[in-house]
Amino acid sequence: MNPLSFPTGAASLPLSAPDSHPVAKMESNFADMIKSSIKQTAETEQQSNIAIEKLESGEAKNLHEVMISMEEADISLKMLVQFRNKAMQAYDDIMRLQI
């Protein structure tokens, strides 16, 4: 038996043409990505605050859902801070380049 032969009845996968200009097809730019990340972080923080208020007022019955909401907000904020740190580091590296 030939190891490269396909079993009978097996359909081959259709191949798509490679993108010739993937950068040109990008719908949003870098600034929009940053703005949406900041907006998502703010929304996550707001949802966490609402969950905490509901827990304090007795509306929320599950403590674990509130804790998950708080952790999501914390992770989102930490990611945004690290993104800022990397951007500042890249800026500093560019400024140190000798021309």
PDB file of N, CA and C in Angstrom:
ATOM      1  N   MET A   1       0.838  -1.176   0.000  1.00  0.00           N
ATOM      2  CA  MET A   1       0.000   0.000   0.000  1.00  0.00           C
ATOM      3  C   MET A   1       0.887   1.244   0.000  1.00  0.00           C
ATOM      4  N   ASN A   2       0.564   2.179  -0.815  1.00  0.00           N
ATOM      5  CA  ASN A   2       1.292   3.429  -0.931  1.00  0.00           C
ATOM      6  C   ASN A   2       0.906   4.344   0.229  1.00  0.00           C
ATOM      7  N   PRO A   3       1.868   4.827   1.057  1.00  0.00           N
ATOM      8  CA  PRO A   3       1.506   5.649   2.216  1.00  0.00           C
ATOM      9  C   PRO A   3       0.942   7.011   1.836  1.00  0.00           C
ATOM     10  N   LEU A   4       1.124   7.454   0.601  1.00  0.00           N
ATOM     11  CA  LEU A   4       0.622   8.758   0.200  1.00  0.00           C
ATOM     12  C   LEU A   4      -0.738   8.690  -0.470  1.00  0.00           C
ATOM     13  N   SER A   5      -1.287   7.521  -0.626  1.00  0.00           N
ATOM     14  CA  SER A   5      -2.571   7.412  -1.304  1.00  0.00           C
ATOM     15  C   SER A   5      -3.695   7.702  -0.321  1.00  0.00           C
ATOM     16  N   PHE A   6      -4.739   8.343  -0.827  1.00  0.00           N
ATOM     17  CA  PHE A   6      -5.900   8.660  -0.016  1.00  0.00           C
ATOM     18  C   PHE A   6      -6.888   7.515  -0.101  1.00  0.00           C
ATOM     19  N   PRO A   7      -7.607   7.236   0.963  1.00  0.00           N
ATOM     20  CA  PRO A   7      -8.621   6.189   0.890  1.00  0.00           C
ATOM     21  C   PRO A   7      -9.720   6.597  -0.089  1.00  0.00           C
ATOM     22  N   THR A   8     -10.346   5.621  -0.650  1.00  0.00           N
ATOM     23  CA  THR A   8     -11.400   5.926  -1.616  1.00  0.00           C
ATOM     24  C   THR A   8     -12.551   6.611  -0.908  1.00  0.00           C
ATOM     25  N   GLY A   9     -13.162   7.570  -1.571  1.00  0.00           N
ATOM     26  CA  GLY A   9     -14.283   8.295  -1.010  1.00  0.00           C
ATOM     27  C   GLY A   9     -13.877   9.521  -0.206  1.00  0.00           C
ATOM     28  N   ALA A  10     -12.587   9.732   0.024  1.00  0.00           N
ATOM     29  CA  ALA A  10     -12.143  10.902   0.791  1.00  0.00           C
ATOM     30  C   ALA A  10     -12.153  12.115  -0.120  1.00  0.00           C
ATOM     31  N   ALA A  11     -12.778  13.158   0.325  1.00  0.00           N
ATOM     32  CA  ALA A  11     -12.851  14.390  -0.461  1.00  0.00           C
ATOM     33  C   ALA A  11     -11.661  15.277  -0.108  1.00  0.00           C
ATOM     34  N   SER A  12     -11.095  15.881  -1.110  1.00  0.00           N
ATOM     35  CA  SER A  12      -9.988  16.800  -0.856  1.00  0.00           C
ATOM     36  C   SER A  12     -10.543  18.151  -0.433  1.00  0.00           C
ATOM     37  N   LEU A  13      -9.790  18.852   0.384  1.00  0.00           N
ATOM     38  CA  LEU A  13     -10.214  20.163   0.854  1.00  0.00           C
ATOM     39  C   LEU A  13      -9.979  21.200  -0.232  1.00  0.00           C
ATOM     40  N   PRO A  14     -10.925  22.105  -0.425  1.00  0.00           N
ATOM     41  CA  PRO A  14     -10.717  23.152  -1.428  1.00  0.00           C
ATOM     42  C   PRO A  14      -9.670  24.145  -0.937  1.00  0.00           C
ATOM     43  N   LEU A  15      -8.801  24.528  -1.809  1.00  0.00           N
ATOM     44  CA  LEU A  15      -7.760  25.492  -1.461  1.00  0.00           C
ATOM     45  C   LEU A  15      -8.195  26.877  -1.886  1.00  0.00           C
ATOM     46  N   SER A  16      -8.017  27.833  -1.006  1.00  0.00           N
ATOM     47  CA  SER A  16      -8.352  29.210  -1.357  1.00  0.00           C
ATOM     48  C   SER A  16      -7.095  29.913  -1.834  1.00  0.00           C
ATOM     49  N   ALA A  17      -7.295  30.906  -2.655  1.00  0.00           N
ATOM     50  CA  ALA A  17      -6.167  31.679  -3.169  1.00  0.00           C
ATOM     51  C   ALA A  17      -5.588  32.518  -2.041  1.00  0.00           C
ATOM     52  N   PRO A  18      -4.261  32.618  -1.952  1.00  0.00           N
ATOM     53  CA  PRO A  18      -3.665  33.431  -0.896  1.00  0.00           C
ATOM     54  C   PRO A  18      -3.987  34.901  -1.093  1.00  0.00           C
ATOM     55  N   ASP A  19      -4.099  35.600   0.028  1.00  0.00           N
ATOM     56  CA  ASP A  19      -4.348  37.042  -0.037  1.00  0.00           C
ATOM     57  C   ASP A  19      -3.128  37.736  -0.602  1.00  0.00           C
ATOM     58  N   SER A  20      -3.350  38.555  -1.612  1.00  0.00           N
ATOM     59  CA  SER A  20      -2.221  39.253  -2.215  1.00  0.00           C
ATOM     60  C   SER A  20      -1.823  40.483  -1.407  1.00  0.00           C
ATOM     61  N   HIS A  21      -2.780  41.148  -0.799  1.00  0.00           N
ATOM     62  CA  HIS A  21      -2.502  42.358  -0.017  1.00  0.00           C
ATOM     63  C   HIS A  21      -3.278  42.296   1.305  1.00  0.00           C
ATOM     64  N   PRO A  22      -2.812  41.529   2.291  1.00  0.00           N
ATOM     65  CA  PRO A  22      -3.566  41.442   3.542  1.00  0.00           C
ATOM     66  C   PRO A  22      -3.619  42.750   4.313  1.00  0.00           C
ATOM     67  N   VAL A  23      -2.605  43.598   4.159  1.00  0.00           N
ATOM     68  CA  VAL A  23      -2.608  44.871   4.873  1.00  0.00           C
ATOM     69  C   VAL A  23      -3.660  45.805   4.291  1.00  0.00           C
ATOM     70  N   ALA A  24      -3.846  45.752   2.975  1.00  0.00           N
ATOM     71  CA  ALA A  24      -4.830  46.607   2.339  1.00  0.00           C
ATOM     72  C   ALA A  24      -6.247  46.222   2.735  1.00  0.00           C
ATOM     73  N   LYS A  25      -6.448  44.956   3.109  1.00  0.00           N
ATOM     74  CA  LYS A  25      -7.784  44.487   3.464  1.00  0.00           C
ATOM     75  C   LYS A  25      -8.124  44.754   4.926  1.00  0.00           C
ATOM     76  N   MET A  26      -7.182  45.241   5.690  1.00  0.00           N
ATOM     77  CA  MET A  26      -7.438  45.516   7.090  1.00  0.00           C
ATOM     78  C   MET A  26      -8.435  46.661   7.200  1.00  0.00           C
ATOM     79  N   GLU A  27      -9.512  46.417   7.948  1.00  0.00           N
ATOM     80  CA  GLU A  27     -10.594  47.389   7.994  1.00  0.00           C
ATOM     81  C   GLU A  27     -10.385  48.497   9.015  1.00  0.00           C
ATOM     82  N   SER A  28      -9.653  48.228  10.080  1.00  0.00           N
ATOM     83  CA  SER A  28      -9.451  49.260  11.087  1.00  0.00           C
ATOM     84  C   SER A  28      -7.955  49.526  11.239  1.00  0.00           C
ATOM     85  N   ASN A  29      -7.645  50.678  11.743  1.00  0.00           N
ATOM     86  CA  ASN A  29      -6.240  51.009  11.918  1.00  0.00           C
ATOM     87  C   ASN A  29      -5.831  50.840  13.380  1.00  0.00           C
ATOM     88  N   PHE A  30      -4.604  51.108  13.672  1.00  0.00           N
ATOM     89  CA  PHE A  30      -4.035  50.891  14.998  1.00  0.00           C
ATOM     90  C   PHE A  30      -4.727  51.741  16.058  1.00  0.00           C
ATOM     91  N   ALA A  31      -5.024  52.976  15.717  1.00  0.00           N
ATOM     92  CA  ALA A  31      -5.679  53.868  16.688  1.00  0.00           C
ATOM     93  C   ALA A  31      -7.061  53.345  17.062  1.00  0.00           C
ATOM     94  N   ASP A  32      -7.793  52.813  16.088  1.00  0.00           N
ATOM     95  CA  ASP A  32      -9.108  52.256  16.389  1.00  0.00           C
ATOM     96  C   ASP A  32      -8.997  51.037  17.296  1.00  0.00           C
ATOM     97  N   MET A  33      -7.960  50.239  17.102  1.00  0.00           N
ATOM     98  CA  MET A  33      -7.758  49.072  17.946  1.00  0.00           C
ATOM     99  C   MET A  33      -7.479  49.504  19.387  1.00  0.00           C
ATOM    100  N   ILE A  34      -6.675  50.539  19.557  1.00  0.00           N
ATOM    101  CA  ILE A  34      -6.359  51.040  20.895  1.00  0.00           C
ATOM    102  C   ILE A  34      -7.624  51.594  21.561  1.00  0.00           C
ATOM    103  N   LYS A  35      -8.387  52.371  20.813  1.00  0.00           N
ATOM    104  CA  LYS A  35      -9.615  52.946  21.365  1.00  0.00           C
ATOM    105  C   LYS A  35     -10.597  51.860  21.786  1.00  0.00           C
ATOM    106  N   SER A  36     -10.731  50.823  20.973  1.00  0.00           N
ATOM    107  CA  SER A  36     -11.669  49.759  21.320  1.00  0.00           C
ATOM    108  C   SER A  36     -11.174  48.971  22.530  1.00  0.00           C
ATOM    109  N   SER A  37      -9.861  48.787  22.672  1.00  0.00           N
ATOM    110  CA  SER A  37      -9.323  48.102  23.844  1.00  0.00           C
ATOM    111  C   SER A  37      -9.589  48.899  25.117  1.00  0.00           C
ATOM    112  N   ILE A  38      -9.409  50.195  25.049  1.00  0.00           N
ATOM    113  CA  ILE A  38      -9.673  51.053  26.211  1.00  0.00           C
ATOM    114  C   ILE A  38     -11.159  51.028  26.550  1.00  0.00           C
ATOM    115  N   LYS A  39     -11.996  51.083  25.529  1.00  0.00           N
ATOM    116  CA  LYS A  39     -13.442  51.058  25.739  1.00  0.00           C
ATOM    117  C   LYS A  39     -13.883  49.736  26.373  1.00  0.00           C
ATOM    118  N   GLN A  40     -13.337  48.618  25.891  1.00  0.00           N
ATOM    119  CA  GLN A  40     -13.688  47.317  26.446  1.00  0.00           C
ATOM    120  C   GLN A  40     -13.231  47.195  27.902  1.00  0.00           C
ATOM    121  N   THR A  41     -12.071  47.736  28.202  1.00  0.00           N
ATOM    122  CA  THR A  41     -11.571  47.699  29.574  1.00  0.00           C
ATOM    123  C   THR A  41     -12.473  48.517  30.490  1.00  0.00           C
ATOM    124  N   ALA A  42     -12.897  49.676  30.038  1.00  0.00           N
ATOM    125  CA  ALA A  42     -13.789  50.518  30.840  1.00  0.00           C
ATOM    126  C   ALA A  42     -15.141  49.837  31.052  1.00  0.00           C
ATOM    127  N   GLU A  43     -15.663  49.197  30.007  1.00  0.00           N
ATOM    128  CA  GLU A  43     -16.942  48.496  30.135  1.00  0.00           C
ATOM    129  C   GLU A  43     -16.838  47.319  31.102  1.00  0.00           C
ATOM    130  N   THR A  44     -15.732  46.590  31.041  1.00  0.00           N
ATOM    131  CA  THR A  44     -15.532  45.467  31.945  1.00  0.00           C
ATOM    132  C   THR A  44     -15.442  45.948  33.384  1.00  0.00           C
ATOM    133  N   GLU A  45     -14.762  47.066  33.593  1.00  0.00           N
ATOM    134  CA  GLU A  45     -14.655  47.649  34.935  1.00  0.00           C
ATOM    135  C   GLU A  45     -16.024  48.093  35.438  1.00  0.00           C
ATOM    136  N   GLN A  46     -16.820  48.683  34.570  1.00  0.00           N
ATOM    137  CA  GLN A  46     -18.151  49.132  34.952  1.00  0.00           C
ATOM    138  C   GLN A  46     -19.060  47.945  35.295  1.00  0.00           C
ATOM    139  N   GLN A  47     -18.968  46.867  34.508  1.00  0.00           N
ATOM    140  CA  GLN A  47     -19.764  45.676  34.801  1.00  0.00           C
ATOM    141  C   GLN A  47     -19.355  45.069  36.145  1.00  0.00           C
ATOM    142  N   SER A  48     -18.086  45.108  36.431  1.00  0.00           N
ATOM    143  CA  SER A  48     -17.606  44.598  37.714  1.00  0.00           C
ATOM    144  C   SER A  48     -18.149  45.429  38.869  1.00  0.00           C
ATOM    145  N   ASN A  49     -18.146  46.744  38.716  1.00  0.00           N
ATOM    146  CA  ASN A  49     -18.678  47.617  39.764  1.00  0.00           C
ATOM    147  C   ASN A  49     -20.171  47.391  39.981  1.00  0.00           C
ATOM    148  N   ILE A  50     -20.902  47.167  38.896  1.00  0.00           N
ATOM    149  CA  ILE A  50     -22.338  46.882  39.004  1.00  0.00           C
ATOM    150  C   ILE A  50     -22.561  45.561  39.733  1.00  0.00           C
ATOM    151  N   ALA A  51     -21.744  44.560  39.421  1.00  0.00           N
ATOM    152  CA  ALA A  51     -21.869  43.264  40.090  1.00  0.00           C
ATOM    153  C   ALA A  51     -21.575  43.387  41.584  1.00  0.00           C
ATOM    154  N   ILE A  52     -20.597  44.207  41.938  1.00  0.00           N
ATOM    155  CA  ILE A  52     -20.273  44.414  43.358  1.00  0.00           C
ATOM    156  C   ILE A  52     -21.435  45.105  44.065  1.00  0.00           C
ATOM    157  N   GLU A  53     -22.019  46.115  43.415  1.00  0.00           N
ATOM    158  CA  GLU A  53     -23.160  46.818  44.011  1.00  0.00           C
ATOM    159  C   GLU A  53     -24.341  45.878  44.202  1.00  0.00           C
ATOM    160  N   LYS A  54     -24.587  44.999  43.245  1.00  0.00           N
ATOM    161  CA  LYS A  54     -25.680  44.035  43.372  1.00  0.00           C
ATOM    162  C   LYS A  54     -25.422  43.066  44.515  1.00  0.00           C
ATOM    163  N   LEU A  55     -24.168  42.683  44.697  1.00  0.00           N
ATOM    164  CA  LEU A  55     -23.836  41.787  45.807  1.00  0.00           C
ATOM    165  C   LEU A  55     -24.058  42.484  47.144  1.00  0.00           C
ATOM    166  N   GLU A  56     -23.673  43.749  47.224  1.00  0.00           N
ATOM    167  CA  GLU A  56     -23.842  44.498  48.466  1.00  0.00           C
ATOM    168  C   GLU A  56     -25.314  44.726  48.796  1.00  0.00           C
ATOM    169  N   SER A  57     -26.124  44.903  47.763  1.00  0.00           N
ATOM    170  CA  SER A  57     -27.552  45.159  48.007  1.00  0.00           C
ATOM    171  C   SER A  57     -28.344  43.872  48.190  1.00  0.00           C
ATOM    172  N   GLY A  58     -27.731  42.737  47.915  1.00  0.00           N
ATOM    173  CA  GLY A  58     -28.413  41.464  48.095  1.00  0.00           C
ATOM    174  C   GLY A  58     -29.075  40.930  46.836  1.00  0.00           C
ATOM    175  N   GLU A  59     -28.979  41.654  45.729  1.00  0.00           N
ATOM    176  CA  GLU A  59     -29.581  41.194  44.474  1.00  0.00           C
ATOM    177  C   GLU A  59     -28.832  39.996  43.902  1.00  0.00           C
ATOM    178  N   ALA A  60     -27.519  40.025  43.981  1.00  0.00           N
ATOM    179  CA  ALA A  60     -26.711  38.928  43.451  1.00  0.00           C
ATOM    180  C   ALA A  60     -26.656  37.805  44.475  1.00  0.00           C
ATOM    181  N   LYS A  61     -26.977  36.615  44.030  1.00  0.00           N
ATOM    182  CA  LYS A  61     -26.991  35.466  44.929  1.00  0.00           C
ATOM    183  C   LYS A  61     -25.693  34.666  44.861  1.00  0.00           C
ATOM    184  N   ASN A  62     -24.949  34.803  43.768  1.00  0.00           N
ATOM    185  CA  ASN A  62     -23.748  33.992  43.567  1.00  0.00           C
ATOM    186  C   ASN A  62     -22.493  34.843  43.708  1.00  0.00           C
ATOM    187  N   LEU A  63     -21.750  34.580  44.748  1.00  0.00           N
ATOM    188  CA  LEU A  63     -20.506  35.299  44.986  1.00  0.00           C
ATOM    189  C   LEU A  63     -19.482  34.996  43.900  1.00  0.00           C
ATOM    190  N   HIS A  64     -19.487  33.764  43.401  1.00  0.00           N
ATOM    191  CA  HIS A  64     -18.474  33.393  42.413  1.00  0.00           C
ATOM    192  C   HIS A  64     -18.636  34.175  41.111  1.00  0.00           C
ATOM    193  N   GLU A  65     -19.860  34.536  40.733  1.00  0.00           N
ATOM    194  CA  GLU A  65     -20.049  35.336  39.521  1.00  0.00           C
ATOM    195  C   GLU A  65     -19.470  36.735  39.703  1.00  0.00           C
ATOM    196  N   VAL A  66     -19.622  37.283  40.895  1.00  0.00           N
ATOM    197  CA  VAL A  66     -19.061  38.607  41.187  1.00  0.00           C
ATOM    198  C   VAL A  66     -17.545  38.538  41.168  1.00  0.00           C
ATOM    199  N   MET A  67     -16.992  37.489  41.749  1.00  0.00           N
ATOM    200  CA  MET A  67     -15.537  37.322  41.760  1.00  0.00           C
ATOM    201  C   MET A  67     -14.990  37.154  40.344  1.00  0.00           C
ATOM    202  N   ILE A  68     -15.688  36.400  39.517  1.00  0.00           N
ATOM    203  CA  ILE A  68     -15.255  36.229  38.121  1.00  0.00           C
ATOM    204  C   ILE A  68     -15.284  37.567  37.397  1.00  0.00           C
ATOM    205  N   SER A  69     -16.328  38.343  37.618  1.00  0.00           N
ATOM    206  CA  SER A  69     -16.424  39.668  36.998  1.00  0.00           C
ATOM    207  C   SER A  69     -15.274  40.573  37.446  1.00  0.00           C
ATOM    208  N   MET A  70     -14.942  40.514  38.728  1.00  0.00           N
ATOM    209  CA  MET A  70     -13.834  41.320  39.243  1.00  0.00           C
ATOM    210  C   MET A  70     -12.505  40.879  38.634  1.00  0.00           C
ATOM    211  N   GLU A  71     -12.292  39.588  38.501  1.00  0.00           N
ATOM    212  CA  GLU A  71     -11.044  39.078  37.921  1.00  0.00           C
ATOM    213  C   GLU A  71     -10.929  39.436  36.446  1.00  0.00           C
ATOM    214  N   GLU A  72     -12.057  39.384  35.727  1.00  0.00           N
ATOM    215  CA  GLU A  72     -12.034  39.789  34.316  1.00  0.00           C
ATOM    216  C   GLU A  72     -11.614  41.245  34.178  1.00  0.00           C
ATOM    217  N   ALA A  73     -12.154  42.093  35.038  1.00  0.00           N
ATOM    218  CA  ALA A  73     -11.791  43.512  35.003  1.00  0.00           C
ATOM    219  C   ALA A  73     -10.319  43.705  35.352  1.00  0.00           C
ATOM    220  N   ASP A  74      -9.844  42.957  36.336  1.00  0.00           N
ATOM    221  CA  ASP A  74      -8.447  43.067  36.748  1.00  0.00           C
ATOM    222  C   ASP A  74      -7.508  42.623  35.637  1.00  0.00           C
ATOM    223  N   ILE A  75      -7.813  41.506  35.012  1.00  0.00           N
ATOM    224  CA  ILE A  75      -6.965  41.003  33.923  1.00  0.00           C
ATOM    225  C   ILE A  75      -6.987  41.960  32.737  1.00  0.00           C
ATOM    226  N   SER A  76      -8.154  42.497  32.439  1.00  0.00           N
ATOM    227  CA  SER A  76      -8.266  43.443  31.332  1.00  0.00           C
ATOM    228  C   SER A  76      -7.428  44.697  31.585  1.00  0.00           C
ATOM    229  N   LEU A  77      -7.477  45.197  32.807  1.00  0.00           N
ATOM    230  CA  LEU A  77      -6.686  46.378  33.142  1.00  0.00           C
ATOM    231  C   LEU A  77      -5.195  46.075  33.117  1.00  0.00           C
ATOM    232  N   LYS A  78      -4.802  44.915  33.636  1.00  0.00           N
ATOM    233  CA  LYS A  78      -3.391  44.543  33.600  1.00  0.00           C
ATOM    234  C   LYS A  78      -2.879  44.411  32.167  1.00  0.00           C
ATOM    235  N   MET A  79      -3.715  43.863  31.282  1.00  0.00           N
ATOM    236  CA  MET A  79      -3.310  43.740  29.887  1.00  0.00           C
ATOM    237  C   MET A  79      -3.119  45.118  29.252  1.00  0.00           C
ATOM    238  N   LEU A  80      -4.039  46.029  29.550  1.00  0.00           N
ATOM    239  CA  LEU A  80      -3.935  47.373  29.000  1.00  0.00           C
ATOM    240  C   LEU A  80      -2.695  48.095  29.514  1.00  0.00           C
ATOM    241  N   VAL A  81      -2.372  47.917  30.784  1.00  0.00           N
ATOM    242  CA  VAL A  81      -1.175  48.538  31.357  1.00  0.00           C
ATOM    243  C   VAL A  81       0.080  47.955  30.703  1.00  0.00           C
ATOM    244  N   GLN A  82       0.116  46.648  30.503  1.00  0.00           N
ATOM    245  CA  GLN A  82       1.270  46.030  29.854  1.00  0.00           C
ATOM    246  C   GLN A  82       1.404  46.493  28.404  1.00  0.00           C
ATOM    247  N   PHE A  83       0.269  46.677  27.750  1.00  0.00           N
ATOM    248  CA  PHE A  83       0.296  47.194  26.381  1.00  0.00           C
ATOM    249  C   PHE A  83       0.896  48.597  26.358  1.00  0.00           C
ATOM    250  N   ARG A  84       0.490  49.419  27.319  1.00  0.00           N
ATOM    251  CA  ARG A  84       1.052  50.766  27.419  1.00  0.00           C
ATOM    252  C   ARG A  84       2.545  50.717  27.697  1.00  0.00           C
ATOM    253  N   ASN A  85       2.956  49.809  28.592  1.00  0.00           N
ATOM    254  CA  ASN A  85       4.373  49.693  28.929  1.00  0.00           C
ATOM    255  C   ASN A  85       5.196  49.295  27.703  1.00  0.00           C
ATOM    256  N   LYS A  86       4.677  48.357  26.914  1.00  0.00           N
ATOM    257  CA  LYS A  86       5.395  47.936  25.701  1.00  0.00           C
ATOM    258  C   LYS A  86       5.467  49.065  24.685  1.00  0.00           C
ATOM    259  N   ALA A  87       4.390  49.828  24.568  1.00  0.00           N
ATOM    260  CA  ALA A  87       4.397  50.955  23.632  1.00  0.00           C
ATOM    261  C   ALA A  87       5.407  52.016  24.072  1.00  0.00           C
ATOM    262  N   MET A  88       5.467  52.289  25.368  1.00  0.00           N
ATOM    263  CA  MET A  88       6.433  53.264  25.873  1.00  0.00           C
ATOM    264  C   MET A  88       7.860  52.765  25.701  1.00  0.00           C
ATOM    265  N   GLN A  89       8.071  51.481  25.899  1.00  0.00           N
ATOM    266  CA  GLN A  89       9.398  50.905  25.708  1.00  0.00           C
ATOM    267  C   GLN A  89       9.820  51.000  24.239  1.00  0.00           C
ATOM    268  N   ALA A  90       8.889  50.733  23.332  1.00  0.00           N
ATOM    269  CA  ALA A  90       9.197  50.846  21.907  1.00  0.00           C
ATOM    270  C   ALA A  90       9.515  52.293  21.539  1.00  0.00           C
ATOM    271  N   TYR A  91       8.756  53.225  22.095  1.00  0.00           N
ATOM    272  CA  TYR A  91       9.018  54.645  21.844  1.00  0.00           C
ATOM    273  C   TYR A  91      10.403  55.028  22.346  1.00  0.00           C
ATOM    274  N   ASP A  92      10.751  54.591  23.559  1.00  0.00           N
ATOM    275  CA  ASP A  92      12.079  54.894  24.108  1.00  0.00           C
ATOM    276  C   ASP A  92      13.185  54.293  23.253  1.00  0.00           C
ATOM    277  N   ASP A  93      12.977  53.062  22.768  1.00  0.00           N
ATOM    278  CA  ASP A  93      13.973  52.424  21.907  1.00  0.00           C
ATOM    279  C   ASP A  93      14.167  53.191  20.607  1.00  0.00           C
ATOM    280  N   ILE A  94      13.070  53.675  20.044  1.00  0.00           N
ATOM    281  CA  ILE A  94      13.172  54.462  18.809  1.00  0.00           C
ATOM    282  C   ILE A  94      13.891  55.781  19.069  1.00  0.00           C
ATOM    283  N   MET A  95      13.614  56.399  20.193  1.00  0.00           N
ATOM    284  CA  MET A  95      14.260  57.679  20.511  1.00  0.00           C
ATOM    285  C   MET A  95      15.761  57.512  20.747  1.00  0.00           C
ATOM    286  N   ARG A  96      16.189  56.341  21.187  1.00  0.00           N
ATOM    287  CA  ARG A  96      17.612  56.104  21.438  1.00  0.00           C
ATOM    288  C   ARG A  96      18.387  55.743  20.179  1.00  0.00           C
ATOM    289  N   LEU A  97      17.694  55.486  19.076  1.00  0.00           N
ATOM    290  CA  LEU A  97      18.392  55.129  17.845  1.00  0.00           C
ATOM    291  C   LEU A  97      19.257  56.291  17.387  1.00  0.00           C
ATOM    292  N   GLN A  98      20.445  55.964  16.928  1.00  0.00           N
ATOM    293  CA  GLN A  98      21.322  57.001  16.390  1.00  0.00           C
ATOM    294  C   GLN A  98      21.133  57.048  14.882  1.00  0.00           C
ATOM    295  N   ILE A  99      21.018  58.220  14.379  1.00  0.00           N
ATOM    296  CA  ILE A  99      20.804  58.382  12.941  1.00  0.00           C
ATOM    297  C   ILE A  99      22.098  58.740  12.254  1.00  0.00           C
TER     298      ILE A  99
END
